[in-house]
Amino acid sequence: MLDNENLVLVGQKCILVPYLKRHVEHYNKWMQSPELLGKLENMTASEPLTIEEEYEMQESWRVDENKCTFIILARETPEQEITPENALAQRMTLSPMVGDVNLFFNDHDDPHSAEIEIMIAESSYRRKGMGLEALRMMMTYGTSLGTKRITAKISTENKGSIQLFLTQLGFVQISYSQIFEEVTLE
């Protein structure tokens, strides 16, 4: 989505930056990782891509008005290492890449509706509130784009994500797909 091409969202725990070409190799390694591959396919319904396909995907998502993707960077650089001039650029360089968060505007009957997805690929950053903060920032940004309804489709195996949406974000289950073994929350 070109709307977020130059946008950076800064929270207390994480920084959301547009998915750029410089992120593709790291992202592709996540999606190829034997440790994550089975989990990611089950948890995110993602299939591995070649590096060439990943570059093509990044570019197509960058210009697709129905997809809004941010890379999640952990905001853990000590303040004393950041100089006031170029502070944001320094954070973006020094902060580790830990996941991604997306909004998909695919409901042609309701242009104010979006589906949200998140992945914290780096296991050492899970269950630290970073996913919650990234989701809240993304939902706030979605609202600024005119989004009035946000849904999440989550594998029934991904209990942690389901609980995050239900208990921390106030979503409710609106459907269950036995075929895809996923719940839809709103």
C-alpha atoms as a PDB file:
ATOM      1  CA  MET A   1       0.000   0.000   0.000  1.00  0.00           C
ATOM      2  CA  LEU A   2       1.475   3.281  -1.041  1.00  0.00           C
ATOM      3  CA  ASP A   3      -0.295   5.112   1.839  1.00  0.00           C
ATOM      4  CA  ASN A   4       2.213   3.684   4.329  1.00  0.00           C
ATOM      5  CA  GLU A   5       5.243   3.773   2.034  1.00  0.00           C
ATOM      6  CA  ASN A   6       6.966   6.514   4.064  1.00  0.00           C
ATOM      7  CA  LEU A   7       5.198   5.986   7.385  1.00  0.00           C
ATOM      8  CA  VAL A   8       6.874   4.785  10.579  1.00  0.00           C
ATOM      9  CA  LEU A   9       4.797   4.083  13.697  1.00  0.00           C
ATOM     10  CA  VAL A  10       6.719   4.182  16.981  1.00  0.00           C
ATOM     11  CA  GLY A  11       5.482   2.525  20.160  1.00  0.00           C
ATOM     12  CA  GLN A  12       7.027   1.810  23.556  1.00  0.00           C
ATOM     13  CA  LYS A  13       8.085  -1.743  22.637  1.00  0.00           C
ATOM     14  CA  CYS A  14       8.208  -1.792  18.866  1.00  0.00           C
ATOM     15  CA  ILE A  15       8.517   0.233  15.690  1.00  0.00           C
ATOM     16  CA  LEU A  16       6.417  -0.484  12.598  1.00  0.00           C
ATOM     17  CA  VAL A  17       8.148   0.255   9.304  1.00  0.00           C
ATOM     18  CA  PRO A  18       7.020  -0.385   5.716  1.00  0.00           C
ATOM     19  CA  TYR A  19       8.064  -3.744   4.230  1.00  0.00           C
ATOM     20  CA  LEU A  20      10.968  -2.698   2.001  1.00  0.00           C
ATOM     21  CA  LYS A  21      13.362  -4.565  -0.279  1.00  0.00           C
ATOM     22  CA  ARG A  22      16.014  -4.473   2.454  1.00  0.00           C
ATOM     23  CA  HIS A  23      13.758  -6.662   4.650  1.00  0.00           C
ATOM     24  CA  VAL A  24      13.083  -9.370   2.051  1.00  0.00           C
ATOM     25  CA  GLU A  25      16.080 -11.647   2.680  1.00  0.00           C
ATOM     26  CA  HIS A  26      15.508 -11.724   6.449  1.00  0.00           C
ATOM     27  CA  TYR A  27      11.772 -12.250   5.972  1.00  0.00           C
ATOM     28  CA  ASN A  28      12.388 -15.051   3.478  1.00  0.00           C
ATOM     29  CA  LYS A  29      14.732 -16.784   5.950  1.00  0.00           C
ATOM     30  CA  TRP A  30      11.899 -16.833   8.497  1.00  0.00           C
ATOM     31  CA  MET A  31       9.590 -18.389   5.957  1.00  0.00           C
ATOM     32  CA  GLN A  32      12.204 -21.037   5.025  1.00  0.00           C
ATOM     33  CA  SER A  33      13.259 -21.873   8.578  1.00  0.00           C
ATOM     34  CA  PRO A  34      12.664 -25.559   9.440  1.00  0.00           C
ATOM     35  CA  GLU A  35      11.999 -24.461  13.042  1.00  0.00           C
ATOM     36  CA  LEU A  36       9.190 -22.138  11.961  1.00  0.00           C
ATOM     37  CA  LEU A  37       8.044 -23.662   8.685  1.00  0.00           C
ATOM     38  CA  GLY A  38       5.510 -26.095  10.116  1.00  0.00           C
ATOM     39  CA  LYS A  39       4.371 -23.612  12.758  1.00  0.00           C
ATOM     40  CA  LEU A  40       4.045 -20.758  10.297  1.00  0.00           C
ATOM     41  CA  GLU A  41       2.051 -22.781   7.802  1.00  0.00           C
ATOM     42  CA  ASN A  42      -0.291 -23.914  10.568  1.00  0.00           C
ATOM     43  CA  MET A  43      -0.427 -20.615  12.410  1.00  0.00           C
ATOM     44  CA  THR A  44      -0.397 -18.120   9.535  1.00  0.00           C
ATOM     45  CA  ALA A  45      -1.499 -20.191   6.523  1.00  0.00           C
ATOM     46  CA  SER A  46       1.676 -19.011   4.770  1.00  0.00           C
ATOM     47  CA  GLU A  47       3.561 -21.061   2.235  1.00  0.00           C
ATOM     48  CA  PRO A  48       7.308 -20.706   1.653  1.00  0.00           C
ATOM     49  CA  LEU A  49       8.433 -18.697  -1.369  1.00  0.00           C
ATOM     50  CA  THR A  50      11.742 -18.610  -3.195  1.00  0.00           C
ATOM     51  CA  ILE A  51      13.778 -15.468  -2.655  1.00  0.00           C
ATOM     52  CA  GLU A  52      12.810 -14.274  -6.144  1.00  0.00           C
ATOM     53  CA  GLU A  53       9.118 -14.854  -5.392  1.00  0.00           C
ATOM     54  CA  GLU A  54       9.495 -13.012  -2.082  1.00  0.00           C
ATOM     55  CA  TYR A  55      10.967  -9.954  -3.841  1.00  0.00           C
ATOM     56  CA  GLU A  56       8.059 -10.045  -6.309  1.00  0.00           C
ATOM     57  CA  MET A  57       5.583 -10.383  -3.430  1.00  0.00           C
ATOM     58  CA  GLN A  58       7.135  -7.450  -1.560  1.00  0.00           C
ATOM     59  CA  GLU A  59       6.839  -5.220  -4.616  1.00  0.00           C
ATOM     60  CA  SER A  60       3.276  -6.316  -5.406  1.00  0.00           C
ATOM     61  CA  TRP A  61       2.190  -5.703  -1.796  1.00  0.00           C
ATOM     62  CA  ARG A  62       3.934  -2.308  -1.797  1.00  0.00           C
ATOM     63  CA  VAL A  63       1.733  -1.038  -4.633  1.00  0.00           C
ATOM     64  CA  ASP A  64      -1.464  -3.003  -3.844  1.00  0.00           C
ATOM     65  CA  GLU A  65      -4.040  -0.612  -2.352  1.00  0.00           C
ATOM     66  CA  ASN A  66      -5.749  -3.571  -0.632  1.00  0.00           C
ATOM     67  CA  LYS A  67      -2.701  -4.611   1.415  1.00  0.00           C
ATOM     68  CA  CYS A  68      -0.984  -2.678   4.185  1.00  0.00           C
ATOM     69  CA  THR A  69       2.142  -4.337   5.582  1.00  0.00           C
ATOM     70  CA  PHE A  70       4.547  -3.228   8.271  1.00  0.00           C
ATOM     71  CA  ILE A  71       7.657  -4.983   9.527  1.00  0.00           C
ATOM     72  CA  ILE A  72       7.871  -5.074  13.327  1.00  0.00           C
ATOM     73  CA  LEU A  73      11.186  -3.949  14.803  1.00  0.00           C
ATOM     74  CA  ALA A  74      11.926  -4.449  18.504  1.00  0.00           C
ATOM     75  CA  ARG A  75      12.552  -1.127  20.200  1.00  0.00           C
ATOM     76  CA  GLU A  76      15.323  -2.174  22.523  1.00  0.00           C
ATOM     77  CA  THR A  77      18.250   0.115  21.703  1.00  0.00           C
ATOM     78  CA  PRO A  78      19.313   1.943  24.880  1.00  0.00           C
ATOM     79  CA  GLU A  79      18.535   5.655  24.764  1.00  0.00           C
ATOM     80  CA  GLN A  80      22.172   6.584  25.450  1.00  0.00           C
ATOM     81  CA  GLU A  81      23.151   4.979  22.122  1.00  0.00           C
ATOM     82  CA  ILE A  82      20.739   7.184  20.161  1.00  0.00           C
ATOM     83  CA  THR A  83      21.741  10.719  19.235  1.00  0.00           C
ATOM     84  CA  PRO A  84      18.980  13.341  18.859  1.00  0.00           C
ATOM     85  CA  GLU A  85      19.747  14.033  15.212  1.00  0.00           C
ATOM     86  CA  ASN A  86      18.663  11.075  13.069  1.00  0.00           C
ATOM     87  CA  ALA A  87      17.171   9.271  16.098  1.00  0.00           C
ATOM     88  CA  LEU A  88      14.529   7.464  14.064  1.00  0.00           C
ATOM     89  CA  ALA A  89      16.964   6.383  11.348  1.00  0.00           C
ATOM     90  CA  GLN A  90      19.319   5.054  14.032  1.00  0.00           C
ATOM     91  CA  ARG A  91      16.523   3.102  15.702  1.00  0.00           C
ATOM     92  CA  MET A  92      15.483   1.591  12.383  1.00  0.00           C
ATOM     93  CA  THR A  93      19.077   0.495  11.738  1.00  0.00           C
ATOM     94  CA  LEU A  94      19.830  -0.807  15.244  1.00  0.00           C
ATOM     95  CA  SER A  95      16.471  -2.409  16.057  1.00  0.00           C
ATOM     96  CA  PRO A  96      16.090  -6.119  15.278  1.00  0.00           C
ATOM     97  CA  MET A  97      13.397  -7.276  12.867  1.00  0.00           C
ATOM     98  CA  VAL A  98      11.008  -9.584  14.757  1.00  0.00           C
ATOM     99  CA  GLY A  99       7.809  -9.975  12.713  1.00  0.00           C
ATOM    100  CA  ASP A 100       5.151  -8.345  10.583  1.00  0.00           C
ATOM    101  CA  VAL A 101       1.615  -7.024  10.881  1.00  0.00           C
ATOM    102  CA  ASN A 102      -0.838  -6.626   8.005  1.00  0.00           C
ATOM    103  CA  LEU A 103      -4.220  -5.213   7.083  1.00  0.00           C
ATOM    104  CA  PHE A 104      -6.026  -6.681   4.076  1.00  0.00           C
ATOM    105  CA  PHE A 105      -8.896  -4.744   2.507  1.00  0.00           C
ATOM    106  CA  ASN A 106     -10.449  -7.639   0.575  1.00  0.00           C
ATOM    107  CA  ASP A 107     -14.177  -7.252   1.273  1.00  0.00           C
ATOM    108  CA  HIS A 108     -15.453  -5.607  -1.908  1.00  0.00           C
ATOM    109  CA  ASP A 109     -18.940  -5.318  -0.384  1.00  0.00           C
ATOM    110  CA  ASP A 110     -17.588  -3.355   2.595  1.00  0.00           C
ATOM    111  CA  PRO A 111     -14.699  -0.988   1.805  1.00  0.00           C
ATOM    112  CA  HIS A 112     -14.514  -0.034   5.500  1.00  0.00           C
ATOM    113  CA  SER A 113     -13.676  -3.605   6.538  1.00  0.00           C
ATOM    114  CA  ALA A 114     -10.197  -5.120   6.912  1.00  0.00           C
ATOM    115  CA  GLU A 115      -8.640  -8.374   8.044  1.00  0.00           C
ATOM    116  CA  ILE A 116      -5.657  -8.081  10.386  1.00  0.00           C
ATOM    117  CA  GLU A 117      -2.770 -10.538  10.696  1.00  0.00           C
ATOM    118  CA  ILE A 118       0.346 -10.610  12.840  1.00  0.00           C
ATOM    119  CA  MET A 119       3.418 -12.803  13.077  1.00  0.00           C
ATOM    120  CA  ILE A 120       6.141 -12.545  15.695  1.00  0.00           C
ATOM    121  CA  ALA A 121       8.651 -14.799  13.941  1.00  0.00           C
ATOM    122  CA  GLU A 122      11.464 -14.412  16.458  1.00  0.00           C
ATOM    123  CA  SER A 123      10.467 -16.674  19.338  1.00  0.00           C
ATOM    124  CA  SER A 124      12.487 -14.747  21.947  1.00  0.00           C
ATOM    125  CA  TYR A 125      10.204 -11.731  21.351  1.00  0.00           C
ATOM    126  CA  ARG A 126       6.907 -13.556  21.849  1.00  0.00           C
ATOM    127  CA  ARG A 127       4.719 -13.046  24.922  1.00  0.00           C
ATOM    128  CA  LYS A 128       6.356  -9.729  25.797  1.00  0.00           C
ATOM    129  CA  GLY A 129       3.537  -7.429  24.733  1.00  0.00           C
ATOM    130  CA  MET A 130       5.096  -6.549  21.404  1.00  0.00           C
ATOM    131  CA  GLY A 131       2.383  -8.255  19.345  1.00  0.00           C
ATOM    132  CA  LEU A 132      -0.331  -6.528  21.351  1.00  0.00           C
ATOM    133  CA  GLU A 133       1.278  -3.129  20.861  1.00  0.00           C
ATOM    134  CA  ALA A 134       1.836  -3.741  17.126  1.00  0.00           C
ATOM    135  CA  LEU A 135      -1.811  -4.785  16.704  1.00  0.00           C
ATOM    136  CA  ARG A 136      -3.070  -1.716  18.571  1.00  0.00           C
ATOM    137  CA  MET A 137      -0.906   0.594  16.460  1.00  0.00           C
ATOM    138  CA  MET A 138      -2.048  -1.115  13.259  1.00  0.00           C
ATOM    139  CA  MET A 139      -5.726  -0.937  14.262  1.00  0.00           C
ATOM    140  CA  THR A 140      -5.332   2.770  15.066  1.00  0.00           C
ATOM    141  CA  TYR A 141      -3.683   3.311  11.697  1.00  0.00           C
ATOM    142  CA  GLY A 142      -6.461   1.312  10.013  1.00  0.00           C
ATOM    143  CA  THR A 143      -9.028   3.564  11.658  1.00  0.00           C
ATOM    144  CA  SER A 144      -7.220   6.602  10.229  1.00  0.00           C
ATOM    145  CA  LEU A 145      -7.680   5.012   6.779  1.00  0.00           C
ATOM    146  CA  GLY A 146     -11.442   4.799   7.367  1.00  0.00           C
ATOM    147  CA  THR A 147     -11.622   1.209   8.601  1.00  0.00           C
ATOM    148  CA  LYS A 148     -14.662   0.613  10.802  1.00  0.00           C
ATOM    149  CA  ARG A 149     -14.620  -3.205  11.062  1.00  0.00           C
ATOM    150  CA  ILE A 150     -11.550  -5.380  11.671  1.00  0.00           C
ATOM    151  CA  THR A 151     -11.570  -9.167  11.628  1.00  0.00           C
ATOM    152  CA  ALA A 152      -8.888 -11.764  12.309  1.00  0.00           C
ATOM    153  CA  LYS A 153      -8.815 -15.334  10.989  1.00  0.00           C
ATOM    154  CA  ILE A 154      -6.719 -17.522  13.272  1.00  0.00           C
ATOM    155  CA  SER A 155      -5.846 -21.222  13.218  1.00  0.00           C
ATOM    156  CA  THR A 156      -7.518 -23.089  16.073  1.00  0.00           C
ATOM    157  CA  GLU A 157      -4.027 -24.399  16.954  1.00  0.00           C
ATOM    158  CA  ASN A 158      -2.839 -20.862  17.677  1.00  0.00           C
ATOM    159  CA  LYS A 159      -4.345 -20.608  21.160  1.00  0.00           C
ATOM    160  CA  GLY A 160      -2.071 -17.745  22.238  1.00  0.00           C
ATOM    161  CA  SER A 161      -3.139 -15.531  19.353  1.00  0.00           C
ATOM    162  CA  ILE A 162      -6.815 -16.341  19.874  1.00  0.00           C
ATOM    163  CA  GLN A 163      -6.539 -15.411  23.558  1.00  0.00           C
ATOM    164  CA  LEU A 164      -4.686 -12.201  22.710  1.00  0.00           C
ATOM    165  CA  PHE A 165      -7.487 -11.059  20.413  1.00  0.00           C
ATOM    166  CA  LEU A 166     -10.287 -12.162  22.764  1.00  0.00           C
ATOM    167  CA  THR A 167      -8.951 -11.002  26.124  1.00  0.00           C
ATOM    168  CA  GLN A 168      -6.611  -8.113  25.318  1.00  0.00           C
ATOM    169  CA  LEU A 169      -8.257  -6.592  22.249  1.00  0.00           C
ATOM    170  CA  GLY A 170     -11.923  -7.297  23.000  1.00  0.00           C
ATOM    171  CA  PHE A 171     -12.646  -9.275  19.833  1.00  0.00           C
ATOM    172  CA  VAL A 172     -15.431 -11.865  19.801  1.00  0.00           C
ATOM    173  CA  GLN A 173     -15.709 -15.040  17.763  1.00  0.00           C
ATOM    174  CA  ILE A 174     -18.137 -14.640  14.871  1.00  0.00           C
ATOM    175  CA  SER A 175     -17.511 -17.915  13.026  1.00  0.00           C
ATOM    176  CA  TYR A 176     -15.622 -21.196  12.934  1.00  0.00           C
ATOM    177  CA  SER A 177     -14.474 -23.009   9.804  1.00  0.00           C
ATOM    178  CA  GLN A 178     -14.112 -26.715  10.315  1.00  0.00           C
ATOM    179  CA  ILE A 179     -12.630 -27.088   6.822  1.00  0.00           C
ATOM    180  CA  PHE A 180      -9.833 -24.555   7.443  1.00  0.00           C
ATOM    181  CA  GLU A 181      -9.712 -25.215  11.206  1.00  0.00           C
ATOM    182  CA  GLU A 182      -9.809 -21.507  11.972  1.00  0.00           C
ATOM    183  CA  VAL A 183     -11.916 -19.028  13.862  1.00  0.00           C
ATOM    184  CA  THR A 184     -12.931 -15.596  12.655  1.00  0.00           C
ATOM    185  CA  LEU A 185     -12.869 -12.924  15.330  1.00  0.00           C
ATOM    186  CA  GLU A 186     -14.189  -9.374  15.146  1.00  0.00           C
END
